[in-house]
C-alpha atoms as a PDB file:
ATOM      1  CA  UNK A   1     170.841  51.177  -9.572  1.00  0.00           C
ATOM      2  CA  UNK A   2     167.440  50.727  -7.932  1.00  0.00           C
ATOM      3  CA  UNK A   3     165.680  47.421  -8.386  1.00  0.00           C
ATOM      4  CA  UNK A   4     162.009  47.550  -9.256  1.00  0.00           C
ATOM      5  CA  UNK A   5     159.688  44.757  -8.205  1.00  0.00           C
ATOM      6  CA  UNK A   6     156.015  44.149  -8.954  1.00  0.00           C
ATOM      7  CA  UNK A   7     154.229  41.433  -7.016  1.00  0.00           C
ATOM      8  CA  UNK A   8     151.054  39.932  -8.474  1.00  0.00           C
ATOM      9  CA  UNK A   9     148.483  38.042  -6.429  1.00  0.00           C
ATOM     10  CA  UNK A  10     147.339  34.884  -8.159  1.00  0.00           C
ATOM     11  CA  UNK A  11     143.921  34.212  -6.617  1.00  0.00           C
ATOM     12  CA  UNK A  12     141.202  36.389  -8.101  1.00  0.00           C
ATOM     13  CA  UNK A  13     143.749  38.683  -9.706  1.00  0.00           C
ATOM     14  CA  UNK A  14     145.805  36.843 -12.314  1.00  0.00           C
ATOM     15  CA  UNK A  15     144.140  33.450 -12.354  1.00  0.00           C
ATOM     16  CA  UNK A  16     140.724  32.826 -13.867  1.00  0.00           C
ATOM     17  CA  UNK A  17     138.341  30.286 -12.357  1.00  0.00           C
ATOM     18  CA  UNK A  18     140.043  27.746 -14.655  1.00  0.00           C
ATOM     19  CA  UNK A  19     143.463  28.568 -13.106  1.00  0.00           C
ATOM     20  CA  UNK A  20     144.646  30.257 -16.286  1.00  0.00           C
ATOM     21  CA  UNK A  21     146.170  33.682 -16.890  1.00  0.00           C
ATOM     22  CA  UNK A  22     144.392  35.830 -19.460  1.00  0.00           C
ATOM     23  CA  UNK A  23     146.213  37.065 -22.544  1.00  0.00           C
ATOM     24  CA  UNK A  24     145.764  40.659 -21.339  1.00  0.00           C
ATOM     25  CA  UNK A  25     147.474  39.839 -18.043  1.00  0.00           C
ATOM     26  CA  UNK A  26     150.316  38.064 -19.862  1.00  0.00           C
ATOM     27  CA  UNK A  27     150.860  41.118 -22.047  1.00  0.00           C
ATOM     28  CA  UNK A  28     150.887  43.382 -18.996  1.00  0.00           C
ATOM     29  CA  UNK A  29     153.457  41.183 -17.260  1.00  0.00           C
ATOM     30  CA  UNK A  30     155.690  41.139 -20.362  1.00  0.00           C
ATOM     31  CA  UNK A  31     155.373  44.933 -20.658  1.00  0.00           C
ATOM     32  CA  UNK A  32     156.521  45.315 -17.047  1.00  0.00           C
ATOM     33  CA  UNK A  33     159.457  42.971 -17.665  1.00  0.00           C
ATOM     34  CA  UNK A  34     160.468  44.969 -20.745  1.00  0.00           C
ATOM     35  CA  UNK A  35     160.448  48.134 -18.611  1.00  0.00           C
ATOM     36  CA  UNK A  36     162.956  46.528 -16.229  1.00  0.00           C
ATOM     37  CA  UNK A  37     160.702  45.360 -13.419  1.00  0.00           C
ATOM     38  CA  UNK A  38     161.301  42.065 -11.678  1.00  0.00           C
ATOM     39  CA  UNK A  39     158.107  40.057 -11.311  1.00  0.00           C
ATOM     40  CA  UNK A  40     157.014  37.909  -8.363  1.00  0.00           C
ATOM     41  CA  UNK A  41     153.795  36.027  -7.655  1.00  0.00           C
ATOM     42  CA  UNK A  42     152.085  35.438  -4.315  1.00  0.00           C
ATOM     43  CA  UNK A  43     149.172  33.344  -3.130  1.00  0.00           C
ATOM     44  CA  UNK A  44     147.389  32.582   0.096  1.00  0.00           C
ATOM     45  CA  UNK A  45     146.826  28.978  -1.006  1.00  0.00           C
ATOM     46  CA  UNK A  46     148.664  26.077   0.525  1.00  0.00           C
ATOM     47  CA  UNK A  47     151.275  24.382  -1.623  1.00  0.00           C
ATOM     48  CA  UNK A  48     148.965  21.484  -2.513  1.00  0.00           C
ATOM     49  CA  UNK A  49     146.302  23.818  -3.945  1.00  0.00           C
ATOM     50  CA  UNK A  50     148.720  26.086  -5.773  1.00  0.00           C
ATOM     51  CA  UNK A  51     148.607  25.517  -9.548  1.00  0.00           C
ATOM     52  CA  UNK A  52     151.791  24.533 -11.347  1.00  0.00           C
ATOM     53  CA  UNK A  53     153.922  27.269 -12.842  1.00  0.00           C
ATOM     54  CA  UNK A  54     151.928  29.146 -15.447  1.00  0.00           C
ATOM     55  CA  UNK A  55     153.396  29.633 -18.893  1.00  0.00           C
ATOM     56  CA  UNK A  56     153.794  33.296 -19.666  1.00  0.00           C
END
């Protein structure tokens, strides 16, 4: 079986200026998970500036 992976960029893509994920983005991520995709997140920020794990 093939594995399917979607990688989301955090900065300027998923995160708002308040470091939050919009409801629309959360719904899209859950839809992808329901369709069998594995989800990963990337960022160009250093570890100190990376926000804590977002609640989806």
